[in-house]
Amino acid sequence: MSPLCDRLVVLLSGTVGEEVARDTVQDALSALGRDPRLLDRPAALEVLEHIAQRPGLVGVTARFAKSRLHLG
């Protein structure tokens, strides 16, 4: 995974745990056909948007993570 993928995991893991965060990011990358090694900021936001569509805590956490990624 790229440093940006790792950042997505960190943004999610505080709430849902590292294992769930990593699995969720990897699932979203696969569903979107994204190569984790080539992830750029717009693609990272797309990944979080995809995750944000999920119900429950993971989706809510992804919506907050999008805001944090926008802020830097």
N, C-alpha and C. Protein backbone atom coordinates (compact mmCIF):
# COMPACT_ATOMS: atom_id res chain seq x y z
N MET A 1 0.84 -1.19 0.00
CA MET A 1 0.00 0.00 0.00
C MET A 1 0.88 1.25 0.00
N SER A 2 0.33 2.32 -0.53
CA SER A 2 1.03 3.59 -0.57
C SER A 2 0.87 4.32 0.77
N PRO A 3 1.69 5.35 0.99
CA PRO A 3 1.51 6.15 2.20
C PRO A 3 0.11 6.75 2.31
N LEU A 4 -0.48 7.10 1.18
CA LEU A 4 -1.83 7.66 1.21
C LEU A 4 -2.86 6.61 1.62
N CYS A 5 -2.67 5.38 1.18
CA CYS A 5 -3.56 4.29 1.63
C CYS A 5 -3.41 4.09 3.13
N ASP A 6 -2.18 4.13 3.59
CA ASP A 6 -1.94 3.99 5.03
C ASP A 6 -2.64 5.12 5.79
N ARG A 7 -2.63 6.31 5.22
CA ARG A 7 -3.30 7.44 5.87
C ARG A 7 -4.81 7.20 5.96
N LEU A 8 -5.39 6.64 4.91
CA LEU A 8 -6.82 6.32 4.95
C LEU A 8 -7.11 5.34 6.08
N VAL A 9 -6.26 4.35 6.21
CA VAL A 9 -6.43 3.36 7.29
C VAL A 9 -6.36 4.06 8.64
N VAL A 10 -5.39 4.95 8.81
CA VAL A 10 -5.24 5.67 10.08
C VAL A 10 -6.47 6.53 10.36
N LEU A 11 -6.98 7.20 9.33
CA LEU A 11 -8.17 8.04 9.52
C LEU A 11 -9.38 7.24 9.98
N LEU A 12 -9.49 6.01 9.54
CA LEU A 12 -10.63 5.17 9.91
C LEU A 12 -10.39 4.37 11.19
N SER A 13 -9.15 4.01 11.44
CA SER A 13 -8.86 3.02 12.49
C SER A 13 -9.10 3.52 13.90
N GLY A 14 -9.07 4.82 14.12
CA GLY A 14 -9.32 5.32 15.46
C GLY A 14 -10.71 4.95 15.96
N THR A 15 -11.64 4.79 15.05
CA THR A 15 -13.02 4.47 15.42
C THR A 15 -13.36 3.00 15.23
N VAL A 16 -12.92 2.42 14.12
CA VAL A 16 -13.34 1.05 13.79
C VAL A 16 -12.25 0.01 14.01
N GLY A 17 -11.05 0.44 14.37
CA GLY A 17 -9.95 -0.50 14.58
C GLY A 17 -9.15 -0.69 13.30
N GLU A 18 -7.88 -1.02 13.48
CA GLU A 18 -6.97 -1.11 12.33
C GLU A 18 -7.35 -2.22 11.36
N GLU A 19 -7.71 -3.38 11.88
CA GLU A 19 -8.03 -4.50 10.99
C GLU A 19 -9.25 -4.21 10.12
N VAL A 20 -10.31 -3.70 10.73
CA VAL A 20 -11.52 -3.36 9.96
C VAL A 20 -11.21 -2.23 8.98
N ALA A 21 -10.45 -1.24 9.41
CA ALA A 21 -10.10 -0.12 8.53
C ALA A 21 -9.31 -0.61 7.33
N ARG A 22 -8.30 -1.43 7.56
CA ARG A 22 -7.47 -1.93 6.46
C ARG A 22 -8.31 -2.77 5.49
N ASP A 23 -9.12 -3.67 6.02
CA ASP A 23 -9.98 -4.50 5.17
C ASP A 23 -10.97 -3.65 4.37
N THR A 24 -11.53 -2.63 5.01
CA THR A 24 -12.50 -1.76 4.35
C THR A 24 -11.85 -0.98 3.21
N VAL A 25 -10.66 -0.44 3.45
CA VAL A 25 -9.94 0.30 2.41
C VAL A 25 -9.58 -0.64 1.26
N GLN A 26 -9.09 -1.82 1.57
CA GLN A 26 -8.72 -2.77 0.52
C GLN A 26 -9.95 -3.20 -0.29
N ASP A 27 -11.07 -3.42 0.37
CA ASP A 27 -12.30 -3.78 -0.34
C ASP A 27 -12.75 -2.66 -1.27
N ALA A 28 -12.67 -1.42 -0.80
CA ALA A 28 -13.07 -0.28 -1.62
C ALA A 28 -12.13 -0.12 -2.82
N LEU A 29 -10.84 -0.28 -2.59
CA LEU A 29 -9.88 -0.20 -3.70
C LEU A 29 -10.19 -1.24 -4.76
N SER A 30 -10.47 -2.45 -4.33
CA SER A 30 -10.81 -3.53 -5.27
C SER A 30 -12.09 -3.23 -6.02
N ALA A 31 -13.11 -2.78 -5.30
CA ALA A 31 -14.40 -2.49 -5.93
C ALA A 31 -14.28 -1.38 -6.97
N LEU A 32 -13.38 -0.43 -6.71
CA LEU A 32 -13.21 0.70 -7.62
C LEU A 32 -12.15 0.44 -8.69
N GLY A 33 -11.47 -0.69 -8.58
CA GLY A 33 -10.43 -1.02 -9.55
C GLY A 33 -9.20 -0.14 -9.43
N ARG A 34 -8.90 0.32 -8.23
CA ARG A 34 -7.77 1.21 -7.99
C ARG A 34 -6.55 0.42 -7.53
N ASP A 35 -5.40 0.80 -8.05
CA ASP A 35 -4.13 0.22 -7.62
C ASP A 35 -3.67 1.00 -6.39
N PRO A 36 -3.53 0.35 -5.24
CA PRO A 36 -3.17 1.08 -4.02
C PRO A 36 -1.80 1.76 -4.11
N ARG A 37 -0.93 1.27 -4.97
CA ARG A 37 0.41 1.87 -5.10
C ARG A 37 0.37 3.18 -5.87
N LEU A 38 -0.71 3.41 -6.62
CA LEU A 38 -0.80 4.59 -7.48
C LEU A 38 -1.87 5.57 -7.00
N LEU A 39 -2.27 5.45 -5.76
CA LEU A 39 -3.37 6.27 -5.24
C LEU A 39 -2.93 7.72 -5.08
N ASP A 40 -3.71 8.62 -5.66
CA ASP A 40 -3.48 10.05 -5.47
C ASP A 40 -4.63 10.61 -4.63
N ARG A 41 -4.55 11.90 -4.33
CA ARG A 41 -5.54 12.50 -3.43
C ARG A 41 -6.97 12.40 -3.98
N PRO A 42 -7.23 12.73 -5.25
CA PRO A 42 -8.61 12.57 -5.75
C PRO A 42 -9.11 11.13 -5.67
N ALA A 43 -8.24 10.17 -5.94
CA ALA A 43 -8.64 8.77 -5.85
C ALA A 43 -8.89 8.38 -4.39
N ALA A 44 -8.10 8.92 -3.47
CA ALA A 44 -8.31 8.64 -2.05
C ALA A 44 -9.67 9.16 -1.60
N LEU A 45 -10.04 10.33 -2.09
CA LEU A 45 -11.37 10.86 -1.77
C LEU A 45 -12.47 10.00 -2.37
N GLU A 46 -12.22 9.46 -3.56
CA GLU A 46 -13.19 8.55 -4.18
C GLU A 46 -13.35 7.28 -3.33
N VAL A 47 -12.24 6.77 -2.80
CA VAL A 47 -12.29 5.59 -1.94
C VAL A 47 -13.12 5.90 -0.69
N LEU A 48 -12.85 7.04 -0.07
CA LEU A 48 -13.62 7.40 1.13
C LEU A 48 -15.09 7.62 0.81
N GLU A 49 -15.38 8.19 -0.34
CA GLU A 49 -16.79 8.38 -0.75
C GLU A 49 -17.47 7.02 -0.92
N HIS A 50 -16.75 6.08 -1.50
CA HIS A 50 -17.29 4.73 -1.67
C HIS A 50 -17.59 4.10 -0.30
N ILE A 51 -16.66 4.24 0.62
CA ILE A 51 -16.84 3.69 1.96
C ILE A 51 -17.97 4.42 2.68
N ALA A 52 -18.10 5.72 2.45
CA ALA A 52 -19.13 6.52 3.12
C ALA A 52 -20.54 6.07 2.77
N GLN A 53 -20.69 5.35 1.68
CA GLN A 53 -22.01 4.85 1.28
C GLN A 53 -22.45 3.66 2.13
N ARG A 54 -21.51 3.08 2.87
CA ARG A 54 -21.85 1.93 3.72
C ARG A 54 -22.67 2.38 4.92
N PRO A 55 -23.55 1.53 5.38
CA PRO A 55 -24.34 1.89 6.56
C PRO A 55 -23.51 1.76 7.83
N GLY A 56 -23.98 2.39 8.86
CA GLY A 56 -23.39 2.20 10.18
C GLY A 56 -22.14 3.03 10.44
N LEU A 57 -21.40 2.59 11.42
CA LEU A 57 -20.25 3.32 11.92
C LEU A 57 -19.16 3.51 10.87
N VAL A 58 -18.93 2.51 10.04
CA VAL A 58 -17.89 2.62 9.01
C VAL A 58 -18.23 3.76 8.05
N GLY A 59 -19.46 3.84 7.61
CA GLY A 59 -19.87 4.91 6.69
C GLY A 59 -19.77 6.29 7.32
N VAL A 60 -20.21 6.41 8.55
CA VAL A 60 -20.13 7.69 9.25
C VAL A 60 -18.67 8.10 9.43
N THR A 61 -17.84 7.16 9.81
CA THR A 61 -16.42 7.43 10.00
C THR A 61 -15.77 7.88 8.70
N ALA A 62 -16.14 7.27 7.60
CA ALA A 62 -15.59 7.65 6.30
C ALA A 62 -15.99 9.08 5.93
N ARG A 63 -17.19 9.48 6.27
CA ARG A 63 -17.62 10.85 5.97
C ARG A 63 -16.78 11.86 6.75
N PHE A 64 -16.49 11.57 7.99
CA PHE A 64 -15.62 12.45 8.77
C PHE A 64 -14.19 12.40 8.25
N ALA A 65 -13.74 11.23 7.83
CA ALA A 65 -12.38 11.08 7.30
C ALA A 65 -12.20 11.91 6.03
N LYS A 66 -13.24 12.00 5.21
CA LYS A 66 -13.16 12.83 4.00
C LYS A 66 -12.87 14.28 4.37
N SER A 67 -13.54 14.78 5.38
CA SER A 67 -13.30 16.15 5.83
C SER A 67 -11.88 16.33 6.32
N ARG A 68 -11.39 15.37 7.07
CA ARG A 68 -10.02 15.47 7.58
C ARG A 68 -9.00 15.39 6.46
N LEU A 69 -9.26 14.58 5.45
CA LEU A 69 -8.34 14.49 4.32
C LEU A 69 -8.33 15.80 3.53
N HIS A 70 -9.49 16.43 3.39
CA HIS A 70 -9.56 17.74 2.72
C HIS A 70 -8.74 18.79 3.46
N LEU A 71 -8.75 18.73 4.78
CA LEU A 71 -8.05 19.72 5.59
C LEU A 71 -6.54 19.50 5.64
N GLY A 72 -6.11 18.34 5.23
CA GLY A 72 -4.68 18.11 5.19
C GLY A 72 -4.28 17.04 6.11
